Each structure stands twice: as structure tokens, then as C-alpha cells.
N, C-alpha and C. Protein backbone atom coordinates (compact mmCIF):
# COMPACT_ATOMS: atom_id res chain seq x y z
N MET A 1 104.70 107.32 124.18
CA MET A 1 105.19 105.80 123.90
C MET A 1 105.19 105.35 125.63
N LYS A 2 104.79 104.17 126.13
CA LYS A 2 105.27 103.56 126.93
C LYS A 2 105.40 101.96 127.14
N LEU A 3 106.32 101.80 127.24
CA LEU A 3 106.74 100.46 127.56
C LEU A 3 105.66 99.66 128.49
N VAL A 4 105.34 98.69 128.27
CA VAL A 4 104.53 97.42 128.82
C VAL A 4 104.76 96.35 128.84
N CYS A 5 104.47 95.45 130.01
CA CYS A 5 104.20 94.38 129.87
C CYS A 5 103.64 93.30 129.28
N GLY A 6 104.05 92.55 128.61
CA GLY A 6 103.09 92.10 127.99
C GLY A 6 102.05 92.01 126.60
N ARG A 7 101.31 91.25 126.65
CA ARG A 7 99.99 91.73 125.45
C ARG A 7 98.91 92.77 125.96
N PRO A 8 98.22 93.03 125.18
CA PRO A 8 97.10 94.32 125.14
C PRO A 8 96.64 93.81 126.38
N SER A 9 95.93 94.70 127.29
CA SER A 9 94.46 93.86 127.93
C SER A 9 93.31 94.26 126.98
N ASP A 10 93.44 95.04 126.28
CA ASP A 10 92.11 94.91 125.32
C ASP A 10 92.90 94.72 124.07
N LEU A 11 92.07 93.55 123.23
CA LEU A 11 92.85 93.16 121.78
C LEU A 11 91.54 94.18 120.64
N GLU A 12 90.63 94.70 121.12
CA GLU A 12 89.85 95.44 120.35
C GLU A 12 90.67 96.28 119.29
N GLY A 13 90.55 95.89 118.30
CA GLY A 13 90.98 97.05 116.77
C GLY A 13 92.44 96.27 116.68
N ARG A 14 93.07 95.37 117.34
CA ARG A 14 94.34 94.49 116.68
C ARG A 14 93.45 93.44 115.95
N LEU A 15 94.89 93.31 115.00
CA LEU A 15 94.46 92.01 113.61
C LEU A 15 94.50 90.54 114.22
N ASP A 16 93.74 89.84 113.61
CA ASP A 16 94.55 88.35 113.88
C ASP A 16 95.81 88.10 113.59
N LYS A 17 96.46 88.45 112.99
CA LYS A 17 97.94 88.06 112.97
C LYS A 17 98.78 88.85 114.04
N GLU A 18 98.13 90.07 114.38
CA GLU A 18 99.09 90.43 116.11
C GLU A 18 98.70 89.50 117.21
N ILE A 19 97.40 89.15 116.97
CA ILE A 19 96.80 88.79 118.66
C ILE A 19 97.55 87.16 118.45
N ARG A 20 98.13 86.85 117.27
CA ARG A 20 97.85 85.45 116.94
C ARG A 20 99.65 85.34 117.61
N VAL A 21 100.55 86.13 117.45
CA VAL A 21 101.72 86.79 118.07
C VAL A 21 101.82 86.27 119.44
N TYR A 22 101.14 87.34 120.08
CA TYR A 22 101.21 87.54 121.68
C TYR A 22 100.64 86.05 122.40
N ASP A 23 99.74 85.18 121.39
CA ASP A 23 99.31 83.71 121.91
C ASP A 23 100.91 82.77 121.97
N PHE A 24 101.16 83.24 120.71
CA PHE A 24 102.40 82.06 120.12
C PHE A 24 103.11 82.08 121.75
N LEU A 25 103.96 83.25 121.83
CA LEU A 25 105.01 84.38 123.02
C LEU A 25 104.27 83.37 124.59
N ASP A 26 102.78 83.82 124.68
CA ASP A 26 102.13 83.34 125.87
C ASP A 26 102.59 81.76 125.81
N LYS A 27 101.80 81.26 125.11
CA LYS A 27 101.96 79.34 124.90
C LYS A 27 103.27 78.77 125.42
N LEU A 28 104.09 79.99 125.14
CA LEU A 28 105.88 79.22 124.78
C LEU A 28 106.29 80.25 126.50
N GLY A 29 105.46 81.08 127.14
CA GLY A 29 106.26 81.37 128.14
C GLY A 29 106.87 82.23 128.71
N ILE A 30 107.25 82.68 126.92
CA ILE A 30 108.19 84.02 126.43
C ILE A 30 107.91 85.19 127.50
N GLU A 31 108.75 85.87 127.67
CA GLU A 31 108.71 86.92 128.89
C GLU A 31 109.20 88.49 127.44
N TYR A 32 107.65 89.24 127.02
CA TYR A 32 108.65 90.39 126.75
C TYR A 32 107.78 90.88 126.51
N MET A 33 107.99 92.66 126.01
CA MET A 33 107.73 94.07 126.31
C MET A 33 107.33 94.48 125.23
N ARG A 34 106.28 95.52 125.58
CA ARG A 34 106.01 95.94 123.89
C ARG A 34 105.50 97.67 124.12
N VAL A 35 105.06 98.33 123.20
CA VAL A 35 105.19 99.45 123.22
C VAL A 35 104.10 99.63 121.93
N ASP A 36 102.65 100.16 121.93
CA ASP A 36 102.52 100.68 120.97
C ASP A 36 102.51 102.20 120.19
N HIS A 37 102.41 102.15 118.87
CA HIS A 37 103.30 103.76 118.11
C HIS A 37 102.16 103.93 117.26
N GLU A 38 102.27 105.03 116.60
CA GLU A 38 101.94 105.12 115.33
C GLU A 38 102.96 104.02 114.37
N ALA A 39 102.17 104.43 112.98
CA ALA A 39 103.24 103.60 112.12
C ALA A 39 104.47 103.55 111.73
N ALA A 40 105.48 102.63 112.19
CA ALA A 40 106.75 102.83 112.11
C ALA A 40 106.95 103.27 110.55
N ASP A 41 106.72 104.51 110.22
CA ASP A 41 107.03 104.14 108.43
C ASP A 41 108.35 105.38 108.02
N ASN A 42 109.04 105.70 109.30
CA ASN A 42 110.05 107.02 108.88
C ASN A 42 110.73 106.74 110.06
N MET A 43 112.31 106.91 109.42
CA MET A 43 112.98 107.30 110.60
C MET A 43 113.15 107.86 112.32
N GLU A 44 112.12 108.84 112.04
CA GLU A 44 112.64 109.77 113.29
C GLU A 44 111.38 108.99 114.31
N ILE A 45 110.37 108.03 113.89
CA ILE A 45 108.99 107.21 114.52
C ILE A 45 110.03 106.05 114.75
N CYS A 46 111.03 105.75 114.06
CA CYS A 46 111.66 104.28 114.91
C CYS A 46 113.04 105.02 115.71
N LYS A 47 113.67 106.17 115.46
CA LYS A 47 114.80 106.51 116.90
C LYS A 47 113.65 106.85 117.87
N ALA A 48 112.57 106.58 117.85
CA ALA A 48 111.78 107.00 118.61
C ALA A 48 111.74 105.70 119.66
N ILE A 49 111.20 104.73 119.11
CA ILE A 49 110.61 103.43 119.74
C ILE A 49 111.92 103.32 120.18
N ASP A 50 112.91 103.23 119.42
CA ASP A 50 114.23 102.02 119.97
C ASP A 50 115.03 103.12 121.46
N GLN A 51 114.41 104.25 121.87
CA GLN A 51 114.89 104.68 122.75
C GLN A 51 113.59 104.59 124.21
N VAL A 52 112.50 104.18 123.48
CA VAL A 52 112.05 103.30 124.69
C VAL A 52 112.43 102.09 125.11
N LEU A 53 112.06 100.85 123.88
CA LEU A 53 112.16 100.01 123.95
C LEU A 53 114.03 99.04 124.76
N GLU A 54 115.10 100.04 124.13
CA GLU A 54 116.38 100.17 124.50
C GLU A 54 117.06 98.51 124.22
N ALA A 55 116.08 97.78 123.16
CA ALA A 55 117.12 97.04 122.33
C ALA A 55 117.74 97.01 120.74
N THR A 56 118.52 96.20 120.61
CA THR A 56 118.73 95.82 119.16
C THR A 56 117.29 95.85 118.02
N ILE A 57 117.44 97.39 117.44
CA ILE A 57 116.43 97.47 116.23
C ILE A 57 116.62 96.83 115.28
N CYS A 58 116.51 95.83 114.41
CA CYS A 58 116.63 95.07 113.16
C CYS A 58 115.85 96.04 112.11
N LYS A 59 116.87 96.11 111.05
CA LYS A 59 116.18 96.24 110.15
C LYS A 59 116.15 95.14 109.32
N ASN A 60 114.58 94.41 108.73
CA ASN A 60 114.16 93.67 108.52
C ASN A 60 114.35 93.33 106.69
N LEU A 61 114.67 92.71 105.76
CA LEU A 61 114.88 92.62 104.84
C LEU A 61 114.38 91.14 103.61
N PHE A 62 113.54 91.42 103.27
CA PHE A 62 112.79 90.24 102.76
C PHE A 62 113.17 90.46 101.33
N LEU A 63 114.03 89.55 100.85
CA LEU A 63 115.12 88.95 99.61
C LEU A 63 114.82 87.19 99.19
N CYS A 64 114.62 87.50 97.62
CA CYS A 64 114.66 86.73 96.89
C CYS A 64 115.65 86.09 95.87
N ASN A 65 115.89 84.94 95.26
CA ASN A 65 116.71 84.75 93.91
C ASN A 65 115.88 85.19 93.18
N ARG A 66 116.31 85.54 91.76
CA ARG A 66 116.00 85.95 90.64
C ARG A 66 114.81 85.27 90.39
N GLN A 67 114.71 83.88 90.26
CA GLN A 67 113.80 83.33 89.83
C GLN A 67 112.90 83.02 90.54
N GLN A 68 112.51 83.76 91.77
CA GLN A 68 111.72 83.56 92.96
C GLN A 68 111.09 82.16 93.96
N THR A 69 112.43 81.64 93.68
CA THR A 69 112.24 79.81 93.89
C THR A 69 113.12 79.89 95.53
N ALA A 70 114.27 80.88 96.05
CA ALA A 70 114.64 80.98 96.95
C ALA A 70 114.41 82.48 97.73
N PHE A 71 113.18 82.38 99.11
CA PHE A 71 113.07 83.19 100.18
C PHE A 71 114.09 83.66 101.61
N TYR A 72 114.61 84.75 101.36
CA TYR A 72 115.56 85.05 102.88
C TYR A 72 114.62 86.07 103.61
N LEU A 73 114.91 85.95 104.69
CA LEU A 73 114.94 87.51 105.65
C LEU A 73 115.82 87.21 106.52
N LEU A 74 116.01 88.70 105.67
CA LEU A 74 117.54 89.24 106.95
C LEU A 74 117.42 90.24 107.96
N MET A 75 117.67 89.28 108.80
CA MET A 75 117.64 90.50 110.02
C MET A 75 119.18 91.08 110.05
N MET A 76 119.07 92.70 110.19
CA MET A 76 120.90 93.34 110.40
C MET A 76 120.36 93.97 110.93
N PRO A 77 122.04 94.71 111.66
CA PRO A 77 121.10 96.40 112.73
C PRO A 77 120.92 97.72 111.76
N GLY A 78 120.13 98.34 112.04
CA GLY A 78 119.27 99.28 111.51
C GLY A 78 120.38 99.99 110.56
N ASP A 79 121.78 99.99 111.65
CA ASP A 79 122.80 101.71 111.15
C ASP A 79 123.56 100.35 110.07
N LYS A 80 123.60 99.66 109.75
CA LYS A 80 124.49 99.10 108.73
C LYS A 80 123.67 99.20 107.21
N PRO A 81 124.71 99.60 106.37
CA PRO A 81 124.14 99.60 105.27
C PRO A 81 123.71 97.70 104.91
N PHE A 82 122.77 98.13 103.23
CA PHE A 82 122.45 96.90 102.77
C PHE A 82 123.36 96.56 101.56
N LYS A 83 124.23 95.52 101.32
CA LYS A 83 124.99 95.41 100.08
C LYS A 83 124.82 94.04 99.33
N THR A 84 124.03 93.53 98.52
CA THR A 84 123.22 92.35 98.05
C THR A 84 124.96 91.62 97.97
N LYS A 85 125.96 92.16 97.34
CA LYS A 85 126.87 91.10 96.94
C LYS A 85 127.53 90.68 98.11
N GLU A 86 127.05 91.50 99.40
CA GLU A 86 128.33 90.74 100.96
C GLU A 86 127.01 88.98 101.07
N ILE A 87 125.84 89.36 100.75
CA ILE A 87 124.64 88.40 101.23
C ILE A 87 124.91 87.19 100.59
N SER A 88 125.26 87.35 99.14
CA SER A 88 124.58 86.79 97.94
C SER A 88 125.83 85.72 97.96
N SER A 89 127.28 85.98 98.41
CA SER A 89 128.50 84.99 98.31
C SER A 89 128.35 84.44 99.67
N GLN A 90 128.10 85.18 100.84
CA GLN A 90 127.94 83.98 101.98
C GLN A 90 126.41 82.74 102.15
N ILE A 91 126.21 83.23 101.00
CA ILE A 91 125.03 81.90 100.91
C ILE A 91 124.58 81.27 99.19
N ASN A 92 125.65 81.62 98.81
CA ASN A 92 125.79 80.66 97.59
C ASN A 92 124.41 81.39 96.61
N SER A 93 124.29 82.39 96.69
CA SER A 93 122.56 82.91 95.58
C SER A 93 123.09 84.39 95.29
N ALA A 94 123.11 83.67 94.00
CA ALA A 94 123.41 85.01 92.84
C ALA A 94 122.41 85.72 92.59
N ARG A 95 122.32 86.84 92.28
CA ARG A 95 121.15 88.10 92.46
C ARG A 95 120.23 88.21 92.97
N LEU A 96 120.28 88.09 93.92
CA LEU A 96 119.59 88.46 95.17
C LEU A 96 118.66 89.83 95.35
N SER A 97 117.41 90.18 95.37
CA SER A 97 116.44 91.28 95.40
C SER A 97 115.60 91.79 96.49
N PHE A 98 114.80 92.58 96.44
CA PHE A 98 113.84 92.13 97.07
C PHE A 98 112.17 91.79 96.62
N ALA A 99 112.12 91.04 97.54
CA ALA A 99 110.81 90.03 97.54
C ALA A 99 109.48 90.89 97.37
N GLY A 100 108.42 90.80 96.37
CA GLY A 100 107.32 91.60 96.27
C GLY A 100 106.43 91.11 97.69
N PRO A 101 105.71 92.14 97.85
CA PRO A 101 104.67 92.04 98.88
C PRO A 101 103.60 90.62 98.89
N GLU A 102 103.01 89.89 97.46
CA GLU A 102 102.35 89.27 97.82
C GLU A 102 103.32 87.59 98.07
N HIS A 103 104.36 87.72 98.00
CA HIS A 103 105.42 86.41 98.60
C HIS A 103 105.13 86.79 100.36
N MET A 104 105.64 88.53 100.68
CA MET A 104 105.03 88.41 102.07
C MET A 104 104.09 87.95 102.67
N GLU A 105 103.22 88.11 102.09
CA GLU A 105 101.50 87.84 102.68
C GLU A 105 101.63 86.59 102.68
N GLU A 106 102.35 85.58 101.54
CA GLU A 106 101.64 84.67 101.11
C GLU A 106 102.40 83.44 102.18
N TYR A 107 103.82 83.91 102.38
CA TYR A 107 104.63 82.86 103.24
C TYR A 107 104.65 83.26 104.83
N LEU A 108 104.79 84.38 105.31
CA LEU A 108 104.79 85.28 106.69
C LEU A 108 103.44 86.21 106.81
N ASP A 109 102.58 86.18 106.41
CA ASP A 109 101.35 86.66 106.87
C ASP A 109 101.68 88.08 106.87
N ILE A 110 101.95 88.94 105.97
CA ILE A 110 103.38 90.36 106.68
C ILE A 110 102.89 91.44 105.38
N THR A 111 102.85 92.20 105.85
CA THR A 111 102.65 93.65 104.45
C THR A 111 103.98 94.20 104.63
N PRO A 112 104.46 95.11 103.42
CA PRO A 112 105.61 95.82 104.16
C PRO A 112 105.49 96.66 104.44
N GLY A 113 106.75 96.87 105.12
CA GLY A 113 106.93 97.95 106.58
C GLY A 113 106.23 96.99 108.01
N ALA A 114 105.84 95.58 107.60
CA ALA A 114 105.70 95.47 109.14
C ALA A 114 106.65 93.68 109.38
N VAL A 115 107.35 94.22 108.39
CA VAL A 115 108.44 92.48 108.30
C VAL A 115 109.12 92.26 109.55
N SER A 116 109.05 90.65 109.81
CA SER A 116 109.39 90.85 111.20
C SER A 116 109.67 89.14 111.30
N VAL A 117 111.07 88.89 112.19
CA VAL A 117 111.20 87.76 112.35
C VAL A 117 109.83 87.27 112.97
N MET A 118 109.06 87.25 113.56
CA MET A 118 107.83 86.35 113.88
C MET A 118 106.92 86.17 113.38
N GLY A 119 106.54 86.83 111.54
CA GLY A 119 106.32 86.33 110.40
C GLY A 119 106.32 84.89 110.86
N LEU A 120 107.66 84.22 110.77
CA LEU A 120 108.31 82.87 110.40
C LEU A 120 107.14 81.85 111.17
N MET A 121 106.66 82.15 112.24
CA MET A 121 105.62 81.32 112.70
C MET A 121 104.24 80.84 111.60
N ASN A 122 104.46 81.95 110.89
CA ASN A 122 103.20 81.35 109.66
C ASN A 122 104.01 80.94 108.70
N ASP A 123 105.00 80.36 108.50
CA ASP A 123 105.77 79.39 108.00
C ASP A 123 105.96 78.59 107.87
N LYS A 124 105.02 77.56 108.10
CA LYS A 124 105.10 76.40 107.88
C LYS A 124 105.85 75.19 107.44
N ASN A 125 105.78 75.41 106.46
CA ASN A 125 106.62 74.53 105.40
C ASN A 125 107.88 74.99 105.00
N ASN A 126 108.71 76.25 105.71
CA ASN A 126 110.13 76.54 105.95
C ASN A 126 110.44 76.52 104.81
N VAL A 127 109.72 77.78 103.65
CA VAL A 127 110.42 78.13 102.59
C VAL A 127 111.20 79.38 102.87
N VAL A 128 110.73 80.14 103.97
CA VAL A 128 111.59 81.47 103.82
C VAL A 128 113.01 80.96 105.08
N LYS A 129 114.12 81.10 104.15
CA LYS A 129 115.42 80.97 105.06
C LYS A 129 115.40 82.65 105.96
N LEU A 130 116.20 82.19 107.31
CA LEU A 130 116.04 83.04 108.02
C LEU A 130 118.16 83.31 108.03
N LEU A 131 118.34 84.54 107.90
CA LEU A 131 119.73 85.32 107.81
C LEU A 131 120.46 86.46 108.73
N VAL A 132 120.89 86.01 109.75
CA VAL A 132 121.12 86.85 110.58
C VAL A 132 122.75 87.22 110.74
N ASP A 133 122.54 88.92 111.10
CA ASP A 133 123.54 89.67 111.00
C ASP A 133 124.39 89.04 111.87
N GLU A 134 125.62 88.59 112.33
CA GLU A 134 126.15 88.44 113.53
C GLU A 134 126.17 89.35 114.85
N ASP A 135 126.32 90.81 114.45
CA ASP A 135 125.86 92.20 115.35
C ASP A 135 124.68 91.99 116.22
N ILE A 136 123.74 91.37 115.22
CA ILE A 136 122.26 91.12 116.14
C ILE A 136 122.38 90.21 117.73
N LEU A 137 122.89 89.55 117.51
CA LEU A 137 123.31 88.26 118.64
C LEU A 137 124.21 88.99 119.65
N LYS A 138 124.99 90.05 119.47
CA LYS A 138 125.57 90.60 120.76
C LYS A 138 125.01 91.13 121.39
N GLY A 139 123.85 91.83 121.39
CA GLY A 139 122.98 92.76 122.55
C GLY A 139 122.24 91.61 123.37
N GLU A 140 121.82 92.00 124.26
CA GLU A 140 120.62 91.23 125.22
C GLU A 140 119.25 91.25 124.76
N TYR A 141 118.76 91.90 124.14
CA TYR A 141 117.63 92.53 123.51
C TYR A 141 117.45 92.71 122.23
N VAL A 142 116.18 92.18 121.71
CA VAL A 142 115.95 92.27 120.32
C VAL A 142 114.93 92.97 120.28
N GLY A 143 114.61 94.03 119.35
CA GLY A 143 113.19 94.80 118.79
C GLY A 143 112.70 93.94 117.86
N CYS A 144 111.10 93.76 117.71
CA CYS A 144 110.55 93.05 116.40
C CYS A 144 108.91 93.99 116.40
N HIS A 145 108.42 93.88 115.47
CA HIS A 145 107.68 93.87 115.00
C HIS A 145 106.08 92.74 115.29
N PRO A 146 105.56 92.83 116.26
CA PRO A 146 104.56 91.18 116.10
C PRO A 146 103.53 91.38 114.82
N CYS A 147 104.54 91.29 113.56
CA CYS A 147 103.67 90.93 112.50
C CYS A 147 102.74 92.80 112.02
N VAL A 148 102.75 93.09 112.75
CA VAL A 148 102.06 94.45 112.45
C VAL A 148 103.28 95.87 112.63
N ASN A 149 102.84 97.09 111.82
CA ASN A 149 104.10 98.26 112.37
C ASN A 149 103.40 99.28 113.53
N THR A 150 102.73 98.88 114.32
CA THR A 150 101.97 99.87 115.21
C THR A 150 102.35 99.25 116.33
N SER A 151 103.04 98.05 117.03
CA SER A 151 103.71 97.92 118.08
C SER A 151 104.87 97.28 117.75
N SER A 152 105.48 97.24 118.60
CA SER A 152 106.57 96.84 118.84
C SER A 152 106.98 95.76 120.06
N LEU A 153 107.98 94.44 120.05
CA LEU A 153 108.08 93.94 121.16
C LEU A 153 109.80 94.24 121.33
N LYS A 154 109.82 93.93 122.78
CA LYS A 154 111.42 94.04 123.09
C LYS A 154 111.62 92.61 123.64
N ILE A 155 112.28 91.67 123.29
CA ILE A 155 112.36 90.16 123.67
C ILE A 155 113.96 90.08 123.69
N LYS A 156 114.18 89.24 124.71
CA LYS A 156 115.67 88.58 125.44
C LYS A 156 115.81 87.78 123.45
N THR A 157 117.21 88.14 123.48
CA THR A 157 117.95 87.70 122.46
C THR A 157 117.73 85.69 122.08
N GLU A 158 118.19 85.91 123.70
CA GLU A 158 118.17 84.50 123.95
C GLU A 158 117.43 83.55 123.80
N ASP A 159 115.88 83.92 123.94
CA ASP A 159 114.52 83.51 123.99
C ASP A 159 114.34 83.24 122.21
N LEU A 160 114.83 84.72 121.54
CA LEU A 160 113.97 85.05 120.40
C LEU A 160 114.87 83.69 119.71
N PHE A 161 116.08 83.17 119.87
CA PHE A 161 117.11 82.95 118.28
C PHE A 161 116.67 81.08 119.05
N GLY A 162 116.51 80.88 120.46
CA GLY A 162 116.53 79.94 120.96
C GLY A 162 115.17 79.40 120.52
N LYS A 163 114.80 79.45 122.07
CA LYS A 163 113.14 78.79 121.78
C LYS A 163 111.93 79.10 120.98
N ILE A 164 111.68 80.53 120.66
CA ILE A 164 111.19 81.12 119.66
C ILE A 164 111.58 80.44 118.32
N LEU A 165 112.66 80.13 117.76
CA LEU A 165 113.00 79.88 116.32
C LEU A 165 112.79 78.20 116.52
N GLU A 166 113.07 77.89 117.98
CA GLU A 166 112.87 76.15 117.64
C GLU A 166 111.31 75.41 117.32
N ALA A 167 110.41 76.57 118.39
CA ALA A 167 109.11 76.35 118.14
C ALA A 167 108.35 76.55 116.94
N MET A 168 109.00 77.79 116.21
CA MET A 168 108.79 77.99 115.25
C MET A 168 109.46 76.87 113.67
N LYS A 169 109.95 75.95 114.12
CA LYS A 169 111.09 74.98 113.45
C LYS A 169 111.46 75.55 112.37
N HIS A 170 112.16 76.77 113.03
CA HIS A 170 113.82 77.13 111.80
C HIS A 170 114.79 77.09 111.96
N ASP A 171 115.53 77.40 111.17
CA ASP A 171 116.65 77.59 111.97
C ASP A 171 117.11 78.76 111.54
N MET A 172 118.47 79.23 112.09
CA MET A 172 119.02 80.60 111.17
C MET A 172 120.63 80.29 110.97
N THR A 173 120.59 81.21 109.86
CA THR A 173 122.03 81.20 109.44
C THR A 173 122.97 82.54 109.52
N VAL A 174 123.95 82.61 109.62
CA VAL A 174 124.76 83.50 110.77
C VAL A 174 125.70 84.20 109.59
N VAL A 175 125.09 85.93 109.15
CA VAL A 175 126.40 86.43 108.29
C VAL A 175 126.90 87.30 108.39
N HIS A 176 128.08 87.70 108.30
CA HIS A 176 128.79 89.07 108.65
C HIS A 176 128.52 90.08 107.48
N LEU A 177 127.92 90.94 107.87
CA LEU A 177 128.09 92.48 107.12
C LEU A 177 128.94 92.99 107.90
N VAL A 178 129.79 93.82 106.77
CA VAL A 178 130.39 94.75 106.59
C VAL A 178 129.69 96.06 107.51
N GLY A 179 129.19 96.43 106.51
CA GLY A 179 128.59 97.95 107.04
C GLY A 179 129.58 99.05 106.66
N GLU A 180 130.77 98.73 105.91
CA GLU A 180 131.52 100.23 105.65
C GLU A 180 131.05 100.47 104.38
């Protein structure tokens, strides 16, 4: 795996949703680094990607309420355990659970395994609310997928939670997860 600057020079074989992420970032003038890799579907691959990116790698969870009328994207450090009760009380939404893949595709144009904050660019009606653990904001860089799990991006934290979210017309709610 090799960290390179910006979009791939050859887009052959890349999915449209991935190319749209590069177009979006380039249009905003955002600098980013990219690493291509095999599908990130186990912890060994994720750890290897982490070492190459040298960024805060997020666990991204797509959640919903029991009625499936409220949807949330939770960004949290990969080493913190997820406890539904902690989030539920902070956002006043009881009975959170994982949202189904059909909702991921409908709102974020993402499939399981590739959930990423970059999918919010596809949520034009602001259906999905972004929740960010406060520890994610402490690092200089954040790592995320460009809507596919065969590449990962390294983006400045201030750019992601500033210019990028603003261009996506999304806000964030900062949450505190204990992780114990």
C-alpha cells in the first residue's frame, strides 16, 4: 500500500460514487491523500491501512430509531466500544439500532463495509444526522472511505468538519463516548 496525493490518475474500474467524491473534494480545493487497498473487511487490513494513513481512523456506524424515521451516522474512534445507551441519552432517541443496507444506499449511496462521512454528500435532504465523538476532533487528520471500501482518504480534520461539511450542507452533533 502506498499513500499518494489526490485522485487516481486512471479512473478505469472505479465506481461512479467514488469518482464523485474526488470531484467533490477537488472542486472545493481540499488537499487529501489516498491509499488503495483490498476490501477493508477485517481488523488486520484496517490496522495496515491505519499505519499507512497515520490519521484518526473512524468506526462509522449507520443507526436509526426503532420506527426507522430518524437516521444517524456516528463517527467514533475505532478502538472505542459502541454502547447504544450512551448515544441514546445524548440525542434523546430511545432504542437505536443499526439501520439496514437499503437505507444506507437510499440516503448515502453506500453499501455495508464502506460507510463513510463522505456519503453525506449524497444526502441532499439532510435525512441523516451526523454524530461525532469528541475524540475524533482532536487529531490533525481523519481517515475515511471515498464511498467504497477499497480506498481510504486522509483529510485534515479542520477541512472535513469545516469546508466539507458546510459544502454538504450538514451539521454535526458532538457526543461523548466513555469507551470503558
